[in-house]
Every structure is written in structure tokens, then in C-alpha cells.
């Protein structure tokens, strides 16, 4: 059985997975679904986070059984933009090469890797794309994906598709950004999320989160984002009340907290060799994450005050931005229930 696994927040990677599975007459399953003994093509489709692969996808790839020569294809979606008649590509960086290397190390036979453009969906920091522009990008990518997939089915091996080598070079140059995102950035972004004052406490965001990162707590019930959040934007994209927000005011506080160096205080006057510097940096990361968590908990407690809650809701740009999810994808699709 040919199986394509996907990790998707707003439906972009799900849609690309259906295209791959459709040509190979296989099935699509969300990452996290129970693994079964399988042969045939293994596909992995996922979004680019911080110019690399999300932790959830990396863990899934590492946890797969030995490949024993099973063919595998890796596709990373990246945020594309349409400005007038121009299509501006995104940047997948090391995303699909990293996962392909893990699969090759586990004994899979890599037959294809590619990055594909889908509408940019990072609505915590950017407005959602309009449907007309989104559909234009999706239609264009569908044609390119179809050509790529049919070539694979015909027996071609496509490891360095057009632009892939350049994308890898840029991704390696951006490795410091990727490492910063994976070690502290993704955790800080999780702590920007909150429910605005129109939240009804329905809990849909918590039930739908692909990594179980949202807890409902308090009175009245409100979502609380934990450090396991991957920043996939599903909660923001599918909230029926458009209540999920990302606070740019709190982002400013995080920026200040991120500049605090615990090691500068603890190691003052101590000769710093390589091991001491590494320990200091690890201590700094741990301390910053602790400060993020403490500040977030305090902020959530203060938001029980209606005036403060309203001020933060009205004071974030996301309150005025359009949301985005892949136009033809519903929550049941993303849960593997379609």
C-alpha cells in the first residue's frame, strides 16, 4: 500500500499530500496516526518552519521502522506569495533534505525530494492571503506537483529538482536562524497565542490541535498554549469566532526577556573555556524559557480582568487581519476523517 503521511496546520501540506497520493493511488494519513506494517511508497509532506523541518516531523521520521529499501518521497511546503502577476517563491531551506537524510539513514530508498509553494499561512505575523491569490498559487503548484509526481511514478529519481541545490545552500547558510527557531523561537512564538475577548470557550482549538499543545483552563474556560505548540496556525485558521490571536505587545516583552543572560551573572570573573561557554549558553536558553513561561502565566492571570483582556485583544494586529486556511480543506480532512 502506498501511504503519504502529512503534518499540516492550515491544510497546505494536506492538499499537497492528496496530490501525491492521488497519482500513486495511495492513501493519506496524518503524522501521529498508528503505524501499520506497510510496503509500497512512503510519502512525507510537511510545512517549513524556521527554514527547516518541524520537530514533530523529525521525531516521526526518526521513529519510523527500518526502511529495507522501501521507496520514499519527501515534500516540504513553503510560503509563497502572489503580488499582482508575480509569484514569489518561499524558502524551504534544509527542510526536505534533513528528513530525506534521516529516511536514507534508516534504510529507505529516496526517489524524490522537493519544496513546493503554497499560500503563506503564518498569520501570527502576517495577514492571511485572499482566496483569489491563494487559489492562483495552489493551482500553479498543483500543475508542478503533478509533473513531479508522475515523473516519479514513471521511474525517474528526482533528488535535485530545479532550484533545490540553491535552496539547500541558502538553508545551510540560514542554519543559525533554524537553530535559534528550534531552541527558543518556536517556544516564544507559542507564548504569543491567546484567546481574544470574543472567545466562547468551545474548546475546538484544543480538540483540533495536531500535537495536543492547547489546554482549556480557568473560569470561564479559555485556551492555554503550552511549549509543545508547533506554531502550525490551525487554531487561528479554524476558530469559528476568529478569537485566536497572537499578541505583538507580548512579543516585545519576550524580546526583552530574550536579552537576559544568566551565564553573564553566574560566570562573572570565571575563565571561560569551550565547555564553560557551552554550559553557559544552555543555561541561558533554559532561563529564558523559564522566564517566558512565568511571564505567560502571569499575563493569562491578568487577562481575567475584562479591561486588560480587551486592551490586549484590540492591541494586536492579528485582531484586524484576515485568517487563512487552504480553501477546500476542512478540519475533518486534517484529522484523517474524510
C-alpha atoms as a PDB file:
ATOM      1  CA  UNK A   1       0.000   0.000   0.000  1.00  0.00           C
ATOM      2  CA  UNK A   2       1.305   3.428  -0.933  1.00  0.00           C
ATOM      3  CA  UNK A   3       0.883   5.789   2.030  1.00  0.00           C
ATOM      4  CA  UNK A   4       1.529   9.515   2.276  1.00  0.00           C
ATOM      5  CA  UNK A   5       1.840  10.910   5.798  1.00  0.00           C
ATOM      6  CA  UNK A   6       1.279  14.614   6.333  1.00  0.00           C
ATOM      7  CA  UNK A   7       1.683  17.212   9.044  1.00  0.00           C
ATOM      8  CA  UNK A   8      -0.491  20.224   8.340  1.00  0.00           C
ATOM      9  CA  UNK A   9      -1.904  23.147  10.273  1.00  0.00           C
ATOM     10  CA  UNK A  10      -3.894  25.099   7.717  1.00  0.00           C
ATOM     11  CA  UNK A  11      -4.299  22.449   5.021  1.00  0.00           C
ATOM     12  CA  UNK A  12      -1.488  23.401   2.630  1.00  0.00           C
ATOM     13  CA  UNK A  13       0.577  20.270   3.257  1.00  0.00           C
ATOM     14  CA  UNK A  14      -2.552  18.120   3.416  1.00  0.00           C
ATOM     15  CA  UNK A  15      -3.534  19.304  -0.064  1.00  0.00           C
ATOM     16  CA  UNK A  16      -0.060  18.561  -1.448  1.00  0.00           C
ATOM     17  CA  UNK A  17      -0.217  15.113   0.184  1.00  0.00           C
ATOM     18  CA  UNK A  18      -3.511  14.347  -1.600  1.00  0.00           C
ATOM     19  CA  UNK A  19      -1.906  15.215  -4.938  1.00  0.00           C
ATOM     20  CA  UNK A  20       0.998  12.863  -4.283  1.00  0.00           C
ATOM     21  CA  UNK A  21      -1.276  10.075  -3.045  1.00  0.00           C
ATOM     22  CA  UNK A  22      -3.678  10.565  -5.944  1.00  0.00           C
ATOM     23  CA  UNK A  23      -1.081   9.873  -8.629  1.00  0.00           C
ATOM     24  CA  UNK A  24       0.271   6.848  -6.729  1.00  0.00           C
ATOM     25  CA  UNK A  25      -3.260   5.642  -5.916  1.00  0.00           C
ATOM     26  CA  UNK A  26      -2.423   5.582  -2.237  1.00  0.00           C
ATOM     27  CA  UNK A  27      -3.913   6.948   0.979  1.00  0.00           C
ATOM     28  CA  UNK A  28      -3.149   9.945   3.135  1.00  0.00           C
ATOM     29  CA  UNK A  29      -2.712   9.720   6.895  1.00  0.00           C
ATOM     30  CA  UNK A  30      -1.820  12.383   9.462  1.00  0.00           C
ATOM     31  CA  UNK A  31       1.524  12.104  11.197  1.00  0.00           C
ATOM     32  CA  UNK A  32       0.737  10.633  14.589  1.00  0.00           C
ATOM     33  CA  UNK A  33      -1.665   8.032  13.211  1.00  0.00           C
ATOM     34  CA  UNK A  34      -0.926   4.447  14.180  1.00  0.00           C
ATOM     35  CA  UNK A  35       1.796   2.910  12.041  1.00  0.00           C
ATOM     36  CA  UNK A  36       0.989  -0.336  10.266  1.00  0.00           C
ATOM     37  CA  UNK A  37       3.242  -2.858   8.522  1.00  0.00           C
ATOM     38  CA  UNK A  38       3.417  -1.442   5.000  1.00  0.00           C
ATOM     39  CA  UNK A  39       5.289  -1.644   1.737  1.00  0.00           C
ATOM     40  CA  UNK A  40       4.954   0.493  -1.375  1.00  0.00           C
ATOM     41  CA  UNK A  41       5.732   4.202  -1.469  1.00  0.00           C
ATOM     42  CA  UNK A  42       6.220   6.128   1.775  1.00  0.00           C
ATOM     43  CA  UNK A  43       5.481   9.834   1.335  1.00  0.00           C
ATOM     44  CA  UNK A  44       6.131  12.559   3.897  1.00  0.00           C
ATOM     45  CA  UNK A  45       4.637  16.018   3.307  1.00  0.00           C
ATOM     46  CA  UNK A  46       5.002  18.829   5.829  1.00  0.00           C
ATOM     47  CA  UNK A  47       5.433  22.612   6.147  1.00  0.00           C
ATOM     48  CA  UNK A  48       8.682  24.501   6.508  1.00  0.00           C
ATOM     49  CA  UNK A  49       9.224  26.022   9.970  1.00  0.00           C
ATOM     50  CA  UNK A  50      12.211  28.311  10.507  1.00  0.00           C
ATOM     51  CA  UNK A  51      13.748  27.215   7.164  1.00  0.00           C
ATOM     52  CA  UNK A  52      13.835  23.586   8.301  1.00  0.00           C
ATOM     53  CA  UNK A  53      11.529  20.694   9.265  1.00  0.00           C
ATOM     54  CA  UNK A  54       9.250  20.897  12.343  1.00  0.00           C
ATOM     55  CA  UNK A  55      10.300  18.894  15.409  1.00  0.00           C
ATOM     56  CA  UNK A  56       7.145  16.774  15.120  1.00  0.00           C
ATOM     57  CA  UNK A  57       8.161  15.629  11.632  1.00  0.00           C
ATOM     58  CA  UNK A  58      11.769  14.972  12.629  1.00  0.00           C
ATOM     59  CA  UNK A  59      10.613  12.816  15.565  1.00  0.00           C
ATOM     60  CA  UNK A  60       8.199  10.939  13.320  1.00  0.00           C
ATOM     61  CA  UNK A  61      10.917  10.215  10.754  1.00  0.00           C
ATOM     62  CA  UNK A  62      13.305   9.018  13.465  1.00  0.00           C
ATOM     63  CA  UNK A  63      10.593   6.737  14.876  1.00  0.00           C
ATOM     64  CA  UNK A  64       9.750   5.011  11.599  1.00  0.00           C
ATOM     65  CA  UNK A  65      10.669   1.324  11.252  1.00  0.00           C
ATOM     66  CA  UNK A  66      13.682   0.332   9.193  1.00  0.00           C
ATOM     67  CA  UNK A  67      13.087   1.039   5.513  1.00  0.00           C
ATOM     68  CA  UNK A  68      14.706  -2.075   3.999  1.00  0.00           C
ATOM     69  CA  UNK A  69      14.835  -0.397   0.600  1.00  0.00           C
ATOM     70  CA  UNK A  70      11.253   0.883   0.627  1.00  0.00           C
ATOM     71  CA  UNK A  71      10.861   3.844  -1.777  1.00  0.00           C
ATOM     72  CA  UNK A  72      10.243   7.209  -0.143  1.00  0.00           C
ATOM     73  CA  UNK A  73       9.393  10.732  -1.277  1.00  0.00           C
ATOM     74  CA  UNK A  74       9.730  13.900   0.809  1.00  0.00           C
ATOM     75  CA  UNK A  75       7.909  17.156   0.047  1.00  0.00           C
ATOM     76  CA  UNK A  76       8.110  20.371   2.085  1.00  0.00           C
ATOM     77  CA  UNK A  77       5.595  23.154   1.531  1.00  0.00           C
ATOM     78  CA  UNK A  78       6.876  26.713   1.825  1.00  0.00           C
ATOM     79  CA  UNK A  79       5.165  30.092   1.995  1.00  0.00           C
ATOM     80  CA  UNK A  80       4.670  31.539  -1.468  1.00  0.00           C
ATOM     81  CA  UNK A  81       3.259  34.980  -2.226  1.00  0.00           C
ATOM     82  CA  UNK A  82       1.465  36.459  -5.226  1.00  0.00           C
ATOM     83  CA  UNK A  83       1.903  40.195  -5.845  1.00  0.00           C
ATOM     84  CA  UNK A  84      -0.062  41.270  -8.882  1.00  0.00           C
ATOM     85  CA  UNK A  85       1.033  38.952 -11.713  1.00  0.00           C
ATOM     86  CA  UNK A  86       4.220  37.923  -9.894  1.00  0.00           C
ATOM     87  CA  UNK A  87       4.587  34.640  -7.995  1.00  0.00           C
ATOM     88  CA  UNK A  88       7.276  34.992  -5.321  1.00  0.00           C
ATOM     89  CA  UNK A  89       8.598  31.614  -4.093  1.00  0.00           C
ATOM     90  CA  UNK A  90       9.146  30.686  -0.471  1.00  0.00           C
ATOM     91  CA  UNK A  91      12.261  29.129   1.045  1.00  0.00           C
ATOM     92  CA  UNK A  92      12.262  25.571   2.418  1.00  0.00           C
ATOM     93  CA  UNK A  93      15.959  25.689   3.340  1.00  0.00           C
ATOM     94  CA  UNK A  94      17.101  22.375   4.804  1.00  0.00           C
ATOM     95  CA  UNK A  95      13.553  21.084   5.473  1.00  0.00           C
ATOM     96  CA  UNK A  96      13.156  18.275   2.949  1.00  0.00           C
ATOM     97  CA  UNK A  97      16.854  17.382   2.765  1.00  0.00           C
ATOM     98  CA  UNK A  98      17.014  16.903   6.544  1.00  0.00           C
ATOM     99  CA  UNK A  99      14.080  14.486   6.575  1.00  0.00           C
ATOM    100  CA  UNK A 100      15.329  12.708   3.449  1.00  0.00           C
ATOM    101  CA  UNK A 101      18.713  12.174   5.132  1.00  0.00           C
ATOM    102  CA  UNK A 102      17.004  10.637   8.164  1.00  0.00           C
ATOM    103  CA  UNK A 103      14.994   8.283   5.954  1.00  0.00           C
ATOM    104  CA  UNK A 104      18.071   7.306   3.940  1.00  0.00           C
ATOM    105  CA  UNK A 105      19.941   6.595   7.189  1.00  0.00           C
ATOM    106  CA  UNK A 106      17.053   4.312   8.227  1.00  0.00           C
ATOM    107  CA  UNK A 107      17.310   2.344   5.004  1.00  0.00           C
ATOM    108  CA  UNK A 108      14.672   3.962   2.777  1.00  0.00           C
ATOM    109  CA  UNK A 109      15.379   4.469  -0.918  1.00  0.00           C
ATOM    110  CA  UNK A 110      14.803   8.146  -1.654  1.00  0.00           C
ATOM    111  CA  UNK A 111      13.221   8.564  -5.081  1.00  0.00           C
ATOM    112  CA  UNK A 112      12.181  12.199  -4.843  1.00  0.00           C
ATOM    113  CA  UNK A 113      12.521  15.356  -2.751  1.00  0.00           C
ATOM    114  CA  UNK A 114      11.036  18.742  -3.480  1.00  0.00           C
ATOM    115  CA  UNK A 115       9.911  22.046  -1.998  1.00  0.00           C
ATOM    116  CA  UNK A 116       6.620  23.440  -3.293  1.00  0.00           C
ATOM    117  CA  UNK A 117       4.998  26.842  -2.881  1.00  0.00           C
ATOM    118  CA  UNK A 118       1.664  27.158  -1.118  1.00  0.00           C
ATOM    119  CA  UNK A 119      -0.009  30.351   0.155  1.00  0.00           C
ATOM    120  CA  UNK A 120       1.879  31.827   3.087  1.00  0.00           C
ATOM    121  CA  UNK A 121      -0.035  30.998   6.256  1.00  0.00           C
ATOM    122  CA  UNK A 122       1.963  32.369   9.195  1.00  0.00           C
ATOM    123  CA  UNK A 123      -0.928  34.540  10.336  1.00  0.00           C
ATOM    124  CA  UNK A 124       0.626  35.172  13.747  1.00  0.00           C
ATOM    125  CA  UNK A 125       2.963  37.584  11.969  1.00  0.00           C
ATOM    126  CA  UNK A 126       1.444  38.230   8.523  1.00  0.00           C
ATOM    127  CA  UNK A 127      -2.105  38.832   7.226  1.00  0.00           C
ATOM    128  CA  UNK A 128      -3.863  35.876   5.651  1.00  0.00           C
ATOM    129  CA  UNK A 129      -3.925  35.750   1.873  1.00  0.00           C
ATOM    130  CA  UNK A 130      -7.096  36.447  -0.086  1.00  0.00           C
ATOM    131  CA  UNK A 131      -8.822  33.474  -1.695  1.00  0.00           C
ATOM    132  CA  UNK A 132      -8.239  34.571  -5.302  1.00  0.00           C
ATOM    133  CA  UNK A 133      -4.471  34.889  -4.852  1.00  0.00           C
ATOM    134  CA  UNK A 134      -4.357  31.716  -2.750  1.00  0.00           C
ATOM    135  CA  UNK A 135      -6.143  29.674  -5.395  1.00  0.00           C
ATOM    136  CA  UNK A 136      -3.812  31.009  -8.092  1.00  0.00           C
ATOM    137  CA  UNK A 137      -0.765  29.794  -6.137  1.00  0.00           C
ATOM    138  CA  UNK A 138      -2.411  26.461  -5.346  1.00  0.00           C
ATOM    139  CA  UNK A 139      -3.402  25.851  -8.972  1.00  0.00           C
ATOM    140  CA  UNK A 140       0.099  26.680 -10.203  1.00  0.00           C
ATOM    141  CA  UNK A 141       1.711  24.390  -7.629  1.00  0.00           C
ATOM    142  CA  UNK A 142      -0.753  21.584  -8.385  1.00  0.00           C
ATOM    143  CA  UNK A 143       0.427  21.522 -12.006  1.00  0.00           C
ATOM    144  CA  UNK A 144       4.085  21.438 -10.978  1.00  0.00           C
ATOM    145  CA  UNK A 145       3.451  18.825  -8.314  1.00  0.00           C
ATOM    146  CA  UNK A 146       1.567  16.672 -10.815  1.00  0.00           C
ATOM    147  CA  UNK A 147       4.509  16.751 -13.237  1.00  0.00           C
ATOM    148  CA  UNK A 148       6.965  15.898 -10.440  1.00  0.00           C
ATOM    149  CA  UNK A 149       4.831  13.039  -9.093  1.00  0.00           C
ATOM    150  CA  UNK A 150       4.133  11.483 -12.491  1.00  0.00           C
ATOM    151  CA  UNK A 151       7.839  11.539 -13.274  1.00  0.00           C
ATOM    152  CA  UNK A 152       8.490   9.620 -10.046  1.00  0.00           C
ATOM    153  CA  UNK A 153       5.797   7.080 -10.879  1.00  0.00           C
ATOM    154  CA  UNK A 154       7.347   6.610 -14.323  1.00  0.00           C
ATOM    155  CA  UNK A 155      10.590   5.579 -12.632  1.00  0.00           C
ATOM    156  CA  UNK A 156      12.555   8.815 -12.563  1.00  0.00           C
ATOM    157  CA  UNK A 157      14.600   9.719  -9.489  1.00  0.00           C
ATOM    158  CA  UNK A 158      14.413  13.419  -8.627  1.00  0.00           C
ATOM    159  CA  UNK A 159      16.639  14.412  -5.728  1.00  0.00           C
ATOM    160  CA  UNK A 160      17.832  17.754  -7.054  1.00  0.00           C
ATOM    161  CA  UNK A 161      14.828  19.332  -8.733  1.00  0.00           C
ATOM    162  CA  UNK A 162      15.013  22.837 -10.199  1.00  0.00           C
ATOM    163  CA  UNK A 163      16.347  25.222  -7.578  1.00  0.00           C
ATOM    164  CA  UNK A 164      16.847  22.532  -4.922  1.00  0.00           C
ATOM    165  CA  UNK A 165      20.623  22.837  -4.759  1.00  0.00           C
ATOM    166  CA  UNK A 166      20.450  26.609  -4.341  1.00  0.00           C
ATOM    167  CA  UNK A 167      17.756  26.173  -1.691  1.00  0.00           C
ATOM    168  CA  UNK A 168      20.000  23.759   0.211  1.00  0.00           C
ATOM    169  CA  UNK A 169      22.936  26.191   0.069  1.00  0.00           C
ATOM    170  CA  UNK A 170      20.769  29.025   1.394  1.00  0.00           C
ATOM    171  CA  UNK A 171      19.313  26.692   4.031  1.00  0.00           C
ATOM    172  CA  UNK A 172      22.791  25.797   5.270  1.00  0.00           C
ATOM    173  CA  UNK A 173      23.657  29.499   5.432  1.00  0.00           C
ATOM    174  CA  UNK A 174      20.487  30.032   7.468  1.00  0.00           C
ATOM    175  CA  UNK A 175      21.238  27.195   9.900  1.00  0.00           C
ATOM    176  CA  UNK A 176      21.842  29.670  12.787  1.00  0.00           C
ATOM    177  CA  UNK A 177      18.319  31.023  12.214  1.00  0.00           C
ATOM    178  CA  UNK A 178      16.894  27.482  12.126  1.00  0.00           C
ATOM    179  CA  UNK A 179      18.713  26.525  15.333  1.00  0.00           C
ATOM    180  CA  UNK A 180      17.528  29.704  17.051  1.00  0.00           C
ATOM    181  CA  UNK A 181      13.974  28.943  15.976  1.00  0.00           C
ATOM    182  CA  UNK A 182      14.105  25.323  17.168  1.00  0.00           C
ATOM    183  CA  UNK A 183      15.776  26.090  20.522  1.00  0.00           C
ATOM    184  CA  UNK A 184      13.943  29.223  21.634  1.00  0.00           C
ATOM    185  CA  UNK A 185      11.981  30.824  18.790  1.00  0.00           C
ATOM    186  CA  UNK A 186       9.240  28.222  18.470  1.00  0.00           C
ATOM    187  CA  UNK A 187       8.696  28.230  22.231  1.00  0.00           C
ATOM    188  CA  UNK A 188       8.475  32.008  22.342  1.00  0.00           C
ATOM    189  CA  UNK A 189       6.009  32.047  19.456  1.00  0.00           C
ATOM    190  CA  UNK A 190       3.807  29.558  21.329  1.00  0.00           C
ATOM    191  CA  UNK A 191       3.566  32.015  24.198  1.00  0.00           C
ATOM    192  CA  UNK A 192       2.251  34.788  21.947  1.00  0.00           C
ATOM    193  CA  UNK A 193      -1.033  32.954  21.446  1.00  0.00           C
ATOM    194  CA  UNK A 194      -4.149  33.877  23.393  1.00  0.00           C
ATOM    195  CA  UNK A 195      -7.925  33.886  23.069  1.00  0.00           C
ATOM    196  CA  UNK A 196      -9.460  37.284  22.379  1.00  0.00           C
ATOM    197  CA  UNK A 197     -12.490  38.668  24.179  1.00  0.00           C
ATOM    198  CA  UNK A 198     -14.957  37.053  21.735  1.00  0.00           C
ATOM    199  CA  UNK A 199     -13.808  33.533  22.711  1.00  0.00           C
ATOM    200  CA  UNK A 200     -16.755  31.324  23.721  1.00  0.00           C
ATOM    201  CA  UNK A 201     -14.624  28.632  25.368  1.00  0.00           C
ATOM    202  CA  UNK A 202     -15.901  25.984  22.921  1.00  0.00           C
ATOM    203  CA  UNK A 203     -12.574  24.113  23.035  1.00  0.00           C
ATOM    204  CA  UNK A 204     -12.416  23.428  19.287  1.00  0.00           C
ATOM    205  CA  UNK A 205      -8.827  24.686  19.169  1.00  0.00           C
ATOM    206  CA  UNK A 206      -7.755  22.285  21.916  1.00  0.00           C
ATOM    207  CA  UNK A 207      -9.536  19.303  20.364  1.00  0.00           C
ATOM    208  CA  UNK A 208      -8.137  20.046  16.924  1.00  0.00           C
ATOM    209  CA  UNK A 209      -4.504  20.765  17.814  1.00  0.00           C
ATOM    210  CA  UNK A 210      -2.386  18.154  15.984  1.00  0.00           C
ATOM    211  CA  UNK A 211       0.171  17.982  18.811  1.00  0.00           C
ATOM    212  CA  UNK A 212      -2.175  18.439  21.793  1.00  0.00           C
ATOM    213  CA  UNK A 213      -0.493  21.694  22.778  1.00  0.00           C
ATOM    214  CA  UNK A 214      -3.615  23.563  23.931  1.00  0.00           C
ATOM    215  CA  UNK A 215      -5.294  23.128  27.334  1.00  0.00           C
ATOM    216  CA  UNK A 216      -8.655  24.575  28.336  1.00  0.00           C
ATOM    217  CA  UNK A 217      -8.473  26.060  31.809  1.00  0.00           C
ATOM    218  CA  UNK A 218      -9.784  28.811  34.066  1.00  0.00           C
ATOM    219  CA  UNK A 219     -13.244  30.201  34.656  1.00  0.00           C
ATOM    220  CA  UNK A 220     -14.584  30.955  32.130  1.00  0.00           C
ATOM    221  CA  UNK A 221     -12.726  28.330  30.118  1.00  0.00           C
ATOM    222  CA  UNK A 222     -10.026  29.726  27.885  1.00  0.00           C
ATOM    223  CA  UNK A 223      -7.268  28.026  25.844  1.00  0.00           C
ATOM    224  CA  UNK A 224      -3.725  27.980  27.244  1.00  0.00           C
ATOM    225  CA  UNK A 225      -0.828  27.276  24.851  1.00  0.00           C
ATOM    226  CA  UNK A 226       1.961  25.021  26.129  1.00  0.00           C
ATOM    227  CA  UNK A 227       5.550  24.618  24.960  1.00  0.00           C
ATOM    228  CA  UNK A 228       4.638  21.665  22.721  1.00  0.00           C
ATOM    229  CA  UNK A 229       2.975  24.101  20.284  1.00  0.00           C
ATOM    230  CA  UNK A 230       4.482  23.841  16.778  1.00  0.00           C
ATOM    231  CA  UNK A 231       3.080  27.161  15.563  1.00  0.00           C
ATOM    232  CA  UNK A 232       1.113  25.445  12.787  1.00  0.00           C
ATOM    233  CA  UNK A 233      -1.690  28.098  12.951  1.00  0.00           C
ATOM    234  CA  UNK A 234      -4.525  25.551  12.859  1.00  0.00           C
ATOM    235  CA  UNK A 235      -6.138  27.076  15.949  1.00  0.00           C
ATOM    236  CA  UNK A 236      -6.107  30.554  14.408  1.00  0.00           C
ATOM    237  CA  UNK A 237      -7.181  29.352  10.962  1.00  0.00           C
ATOM    238  CA  UNK A 238     -10.242  27.352  12.000  1.00  0.00           C
ATOM    239  CA  UNK A 239     -11.597  29.183  15.071  1.00  0.00           C
ATOM    240  CA  UNK A 240     -15.278  29.817  14.239  1.00  0.00           C
ATOM    241  CA  UNK A 241     -15.237  33.110  16.168  1.00  0.00           C
ATOM    242  CA  UNK A 242     -11.843  34.296  14.836  1.00  0.00           C
ATOM    243  CA  UNK A 243     -10.937  34.596  18.515  1.00  0.00           C
ATOM    244  CA  UNK A 244      -7.404  33.173  18.439  1.00  0.00           C
ATOM    245  CA  UNK A 245      -4.836  35.964  18.444  1.00  0.00           C
ATOM    246  CA  UNK A 246      -1.072  36.446  18.705  1.00  0.00           C
ATOM    247  CA  UNK A 247      -0.005  39.344  20.921  1.00  0.00           C
ATOM    248  CA  UNK A 248       2.625  41.604  19.432  1.00  0.00           C
ATOM    249  CA  UNK A 249       2.749  43.523  22.715  1.00  0.00           C
ATOM    250  CA  UNK A 250       3.808  40.329  24.496  1.00  0.00           C
ATOM    251  CA  UNK A 251       6.310  39.707  21.676  1.00  0.00           C
ATOM    252  CA  UNK A 252       8.036  42.935  22.704  1.00  0.00           C
ATOM    253  CA  UNK A 253       8.297  41.667  26.290  1.00  0.00           C
ATOM    254  CA  UNK A 254       9.724  38.368  25.064  1.00  0.00           C
ATOM    255  CA  UNK A 255      12.329  40.261  23.069  1.00  0.00           C
ATOM    256  CA  UNK A 256      13.463  41.993  26.245  1.00  0.00           C
ATOM    257  CA  UNK A 257      13.472  38.745  28.236  1.00  0.00           C
ATOM    258  CA  UNK A 258      15.471  37.039  25.497  1.00  0.00           C
ATOM    259  CA  UNK A 259      18.295  39.503  26.059  1.00  0.00           C
ATOM    260  CA  UNK A 260      18.810  38.420  29.676  1.00  0.00           C
ATOM    261  CA  UNK A 261      21.984  36.349  30.140  1.00  0.00           C
ATOM    262  CA  UNK A 262      22.064  34.243  33.297  1.00  0.00           C
ATOM    263  CA  UNK A 263      25.555  32.991  32.455  1.00  0.00           C
ATOM    264  CA  UNK A 264      26.958  36.538  32.457  1.00  0.00           C
ATOM    265  CA  UNK A 265      25.980  36.778  36.122  1.00  0.00           C
ATOM    266  CA  UNK A 266      26.904  33.239  37.191  1.00  0.00           C
ATOM    267  CA  UNK A 267      30.231  33.084  35.325  1.00  0.00           C
ATOM    268  CA  UNK A 268      31.396  36.596  36.072  1.00  0.00           C
ATOM    269  CA  UNK A 269      35.162  36.526  36.611  1.00  0.00           C
ATOM    270  CA  UNK A 270      35.498  32.848  35.647  1.00  0.00           C
ATOM    271  CA  UNK A 271      37.825  31.878  32.821  1.00  0.00           C
ATOM    272  CA  UNK A 272      35.558  30.573  30.073  1.00  0.00           C
ATOM    273  CA  UNK A 273      36.761  27.631  28.053  1.00  0.00           C
ATOM    274  CA  UNK A 274      34.679  25.992  25.333  1.00  0.00           C
ATOM    275  CA  UNK A 275      32.849  23.676  27.747  1.00  0.00           C
ATOM    276  CA  UNK A 276      32.049  26.534  30.129  1.00  0.00           C
ATOM    277  CA  UNK A 277      30.732  28.700  27.290  1.00  0.00           C
ATOM    278  CA  UNK A 278      28.509  25.852  26.043  1.00  0.00           C
ATOM    279  CA  UNK A 279      27.145  25.239  29.542  1.00  0.00           C
ATOM    280  CA  UNK A 280      26.505  28.965  29.880  1.00  0.00           C
ATOM    281  CA  UNK A 281      24.548  29.106  26.640  1.00  0.00           C
ATOM    282  CA  UNK A 282      22.432  26.097  27.613  1.00  0.00           C
ATOM    283  CA  UNK A 283      21.747  27.743  30.972  1.00  0.00           C
ATOM    284  CA  UNK A 284      20.724  30.932  29.170  1.00  0.00           C
ATOM    285  CA  UNK A 285      18.261  29.034  26.953  1.00  0.00           C
ATOM    286  CA  UNK A 286      16.729  27.258  29.946  1.00  0.00           C
ATOM    287  CA  UNK A 287      16.479  30.501  31.902  1.00  0.00           C
ATOM    288  CA  UNK A 288      14.829  32.373  29.019  1.00  0.00           C
ATOM    289  CA  UNK A 289      12.271  29.593  28.541  1.00  0.00           C
ATOM    290  CA  UNK A 290      11.518  29.666  32.267  1.00  0.00           C
ATOM    291  CA  UNK A 291      11.025  33.434  32.077  1.00  0.00           C
ATOM    292  CA  UNK A 292       8.736  33.057  29.049  1.00  0.00           C
ATOM    293  CA  UNK A 293       6.581  30.533  30.912  1.00  0.00           C
ATOM    294  CA  UNK A 294       6.378  32.631  34.070  1.00  0.00           C
ATOM    295  CA  UNK A 295       5.533  35.809  32.157  1.00  0.00           C
ATOM    296  CA  UNK A 296       2.881  33.995  30.104  1.00  0.00           C
ATOM    297  CA  UNK A 297       1.191  32.544  33.194  1.00  0.00           C
ATOM    298  CA  UNK A 298       1.153  35.973  34.843  1.00  0.00           C
ATOM    299  CA  UNK A 299      -0.224  37.560  31.682  1.00  0.00           C
ATOM    300  CA  UNK A 300      -3.008  34.972  31.426  1.00  0.00           C
ATOM    301  CA  UNK A 301      -3.940  35.631  35.071  1.00  0.00           C
ATOM    302  CA  UNK A 302      -4.088  39.393  34.435  1.00  0.00           C
ATOM    303  CA  UNK A 303      -6.304  38.800  31.398  1.00  0.00           C
ATOM    304  CA  UNK A 304      -9.111  37.678  33.698  1.00  0.00           C
ATOM    305  CA  UNK A 305      -9.698  41.406  34.053  1.00  0.00           C
ATOM    306  CA  UNK A 306     -12.089  42.378  31.236  1.00  0.00           C
ATOM    307  CA  UNK A 307     -10.448  45.741  30.567  1.00  0.00           C
ATOM    308  CA  UNK A 308      -6.964  44.216  30.278  1.00  0.00           C
ATOM    309  CA  UNK A 309      -8.316  41.429  28.090  1.00  0.00           C
ATOM    310  CA  UNK A 310      -9.987  43.940  25.784  1.00  0.00           C
ATOM    311  CA  UNK A 311      -6.853  46.080  25.607  1.00  0.00           C
ATOM    312  CA  UNK A 312      -4.675  43.144  24.554  1.00  0.00           C
ATOM    313  CA  UNK A 313      -7.297  41.944  22.055  1.00  0.00           C
ATOM    314  CA  UNK A 314      -7.586  45.343  20.391  1.00  0.00           C
ATOM    315  CA  UNK A 315      -3.849  45.965  20.643  1.00  0.00           C
ATOM    316  CA  UNK A 316      -2.684  43.127  18.413  1.00  0.00           C
ATOM    317  CA  UNK A 317      -2.509  43.318  14.630  1.00  0.00           C
ATOM    318  CA  UNK A 318      -3.934  39.819  14.253  1.00  0.00           C
ATOM    319  CA  UNK A 319      -7.269  41.180  15.524  1.00  0.00           C
ATOM    320  CA  UNK A 320      -7.581  43.069  12.234  1.00  0.00           C
ATOM    321  CA  UNK A 321      -6.007  40.526   9.876  1.00  0.00           C
ATOM    322  CA  UNK A 322      -7.664  38.040   7.564  1.00  0.00           C
ATOM    323  CA  UNK A 323      -7.333  34.382   8.585  1.00  0.00           C
ATOM    324  CA  UNK A 324      -6.223  31.721   6.119  1.00  0.00           C
ATOM    325  CA  UNK A 325      -6.666  28.020   5.540  1.00  0.00           C
ATOM    326  CA  UNK A 326      -6.477  26.034   2.322  1.00  0.00           C
ATOM    327  CA  UNK A 327      -9.832  26.861   0.689  1.00  0.00           C
ATOM    328  CA  UNK A 328     -11.018  23.294   0.139  1.00  0.00           C
ATOM    329  CA  UNK A 329      -9.712  21.716   3.356  1.00  0.00           C
ATOM    330  CA  UNK A 330     -11.799  21.207   6.492  1.00  0.00           C
ATOM    331  CA  UNK A 331     -10.856  20.104   9.985  1.00  0.00           C
ATOM    332  CA  UNK A 332     -12.111  16.570   9.358  1.00  0.00           C
ATOM    333  CA  UNK A 333      -9.655  16.262   6.462  1.00  0.00           C
ATOM    334  CA  UNK A 334      -6.756  17.257   8.709  1.00  0.00           C
ATOM    335  CA  UNK A 335      -7.799  14.693  11.322  1.00  0.00           C
ATOM    336  CA  UNK A 336      -7.834  11.972   8.678  1.00  0.00           C
ATOM    337  CA  UNK A 337     -11.620  11.590   8.894  1.00  0.00           C
ATOM    338  CA  UNK A 338     -12.517  12.434   5.301  1.00  0.00           C
END
